[in-house]
C-alpha atoms as a PDB file:
ATOM      1  CA  MET A   1      70.057 101.918  88.746  1.00  0.00           C
ATOM      2  CA  PRO A   2      66.633 102.033  90.421  1.00  0.00           C
ATOM      3  CA  PRO A   3      63.914  99.846  88.922  1.00  0.00           C
ATOM      4  CA  LEU A   4      61.340 102.654  88.601  1.00  0.00           C
ATOM      5  CA  VAL A   5      61.505 106.399  88.099  1.00  0.00           C
ATOM      6  CA  GLY A   6      61.226 108.395  91.321  1.00  0.00           C
ATOM      7  CA  ALA A   7      63.304 106.208  93.625  1.00  0.00           C
ATOM      8  CA  GLU A   8      65.508 109.177  94.496  1.00  0.00           C
ATOM      9  CA  LEU A   9      62.453 111.083  95.787  1.00  0.00           C
ATOM     10  CA  ILE A  10      61.535 108.544  98.474  1.00  0.00           C
ATOM     11  CA  GLN A  11      61.776 110.139 101.917  1.00  0.00           C
ATOM     12  CA  THR A  12      59.262 108.327 104.119  1.00  0.00           C
ATOM     13  CA  PRO A  13      58.460 104.686 104.867  1.00  0.00           C
ATOM     14  CA  VAL A  14      54.994 105.072 103.329  1.00  0.00           C
ATOM     15  CA  GLN A  15      56.520 106.348 100.069  1.00  0.00           C
ATOM     16  CA  LEU A  16      58.900 103.383 100.105  1.00  0.00           C
ATOM     17  CA  TYR A  17      56.027 100.959 100.723  1.00  0.00           C
ATOM     18  CA  ARG A  18      54.044 102.326  97.774  1.00  0.00           C
ATOM     19  CA  TYR A  19      57.143 102.351  95.534  1.00  0.00           C
ATOM     20  CA  LEU A  20      57.925  98.709  96.322  1.00  0.00           C
ATOM     21  CA  LEU A  21      54.332  97.665  95.652  1.00  0.00           C
ATOM     22  CA  ARG A  22      54.549  99.375  92.238  1.00  0.00           C
ATOM     23  CA  CYS A  23      57.781  97.466  91.583  1.00  0.00           C
ATOM     24  CA  CYS A  24      55.926  94.200  92.269  1.00  0.00           C
ATOM     25  CA  ARG A  25      53.680  94.840  89.287  1.00  0.00           C
ATOM     26  CA  GLN A  26      56.702  94.377  87.004  1.00  0.00           C
ATOM     27  CA  LEU A  27      57.325  90.804  88.160  1.00  0.00           C
ATOM     28  CA  PRO A  28      56.393  88.169  85.572  1.00  0.00           C
ATOM     29  CA  SER A  29      53.973  85.878  87.438  1.00  0.00           C
ATOM     30  CA  PRO A  30      51.080  86.563  89.793  1.00  0.00           C
ATOM     31  CA  ALA A  31      52.538  84.105  92.315  1.00  0.00           C
ATOM     32  CA  MET A  32      55.794  86.086  92.480  1.00  0.00           C
ATOM     33  CA  GLN A  33      53.868  89.320  92.782  1.00  0.00           C
ATOM     34  CA  GLN A  34      51.848  87.940  95.685  1.00  0.00           C
ATOM     35  CA  HIS A  35      54.954  86.563  97.427  1.00  0.00           C
ATOM     36  CA  TYR A  36      56.860  89.852  97.264  1.00  0.00           C
ATOM     37  CA  ARG A  37      53.788  91.933  98.178  1.00  0.00           C
ATOM     38  CA  HIS A  38      53.459  89.811 101.311  1.00  0.00           C
ATOM     39  CA  ALA A  39      57.181  90.208 102.114  1.00  0.00           C
ATOM     40  CA  ILE A  40      56.954  93.994 101.637  1.00  0.00           C
ATOM     41  CA  ARG A  41      53.905  94.220 103.893  1.00  0.00           C
ATOM     42  CA  GLN A  42      55.594  92.117 106.602  1.00  0.00           C
ATOM     43  CA  GLY A  43      58.753  94.224 106.447  1.00  0.00           C
ATOM     44  CA  TYR A  44      56.766  97.434 106.655  1.00  0.00           C
ATOM     45  CA  ASN A  45      54.794  96.205 109.662  1.00  0.00           C
ATOM     46  CA  SER A  46      57.856  94.902 111.498  1.00  0.00           C
ATOM     47  CA  HIS A  47      59.740  98.200 111.111  1.00  0.00           C
ATOM     48  CA  SER A  48      56.806 100.574 111.607  1.00  0.00           C
ATOM     49  CA  ASP A  49      58.068 101.648 115.034  1.00  0.00           C
ATOM     50  CA  GLU A  50      61.497 102.789 113.758  1.00  0.00           C
ATOM     51  CA  ASN A  51      62.205 106.406 114.811  1.00  0.00           C
ATOM     52  CA  ASP A  52      65.863 107.007 113.890  1.00  0.00           C
ATOM     53  CA  PRO A  53      65.954 109.099 110.648  1.00  0.00           C
ATOM     54  CA  GLU A  54      69.417 107.799 109.684  1.00  0.00           C
ATOM     55  CA  ARG A  55      68.304 104.196 110.077  1.00  0.00           C
ATOM     56  CA  ILE A  56      65.145 104.888 108.050  1.00  0.00           C
ATOM     57  CA  GLN A  57      67.192 106.411 105.200  1.00  0.00           C
ATOM     58  CA  MET A  58      69.574 103.441 105.284  1.00  0.00           C
ATOM     59  CA  MET A  59      66.632 101.017 105.076  1.00  0.00           C
ATOM     60  CA  ILE A  60      65.116 103.004 102.181  1.00  0.00           C
ATOM     61  CA  GLN A  61      68.380 102.910 100.207  1.00  0.00           C
ATOM     62  CA  ARG A  62      68.804  99.189 100.842  1.00  0.00           C
ATOM     63  CA  ALA A  63      65.202  98.375  99.894  1.00  0.00           C
ATOM     64  CA  VAL A  64      65.447 100.292  96.600  1.00  0.00           C
ATOM     65  CA  ALA A  65      68.712  98.518  95.756  1.00  0.00           C
ATOM     66  CA  ASP A  66      67.198  95.128  96.634  1.00  0.00           C
ATOM     67  CA  ALA A  67      64.115  95.845  94.507  1.00  0.00           C
ATOM     68  CA  GLY A  68      66.369  96.621  91.560  1.00  0.00           C
ATOM     69  CA  TRP A  69      68.269  93.376  92.052  1.00  0.00           C
ATOM     70  CA  ILE A  70      65.081  91.308  92.274  1.00  0.00           C
ATOM     71  CA  LEU A  71      63.582  92.875  89.163  1.00  0.00           C
ATOM     72  CA  ASP A  72      66.828  92.333  87.254  1.00  0.00           C
ATOM     73  CA  LYS A  73      66.897  88.724  88.383  1.00  0.00           C
ATOM     74  CA  TYR A  74      63.364  87.903  87.215  1.00  0.00           C
ATOM     75  CA  THR A  75      63.033  90.099  84.166  1.00  0.00           C
ATOM     76  CA  LYS A  76      66.426  89.441  82.573  1.00  0.00           C
ATOM     77  CA  LYS A  77      66.224  88.529  78.893  1.00  0.00           C
ATOM     78  CA  LYS A  78      67.642  85.098  78.098  1.00  0.00           C
END
């Protein structure tokens, strides 16, 4: 299950970038939010030259799944 509504509509790297930054707002502490924002920005910059549409779609699917896992990990009720 995706962490936010609209994950299935992501088609471009810029849409993914914005989606992941919105996911960061759900993390509990500002330090975590800053850490993951930095990681998202670094990942976006390092893969900005990717041209293969299949590879881009695979990276989008993986990033959405990873975002869901991270949010579940940190926002789980104890």
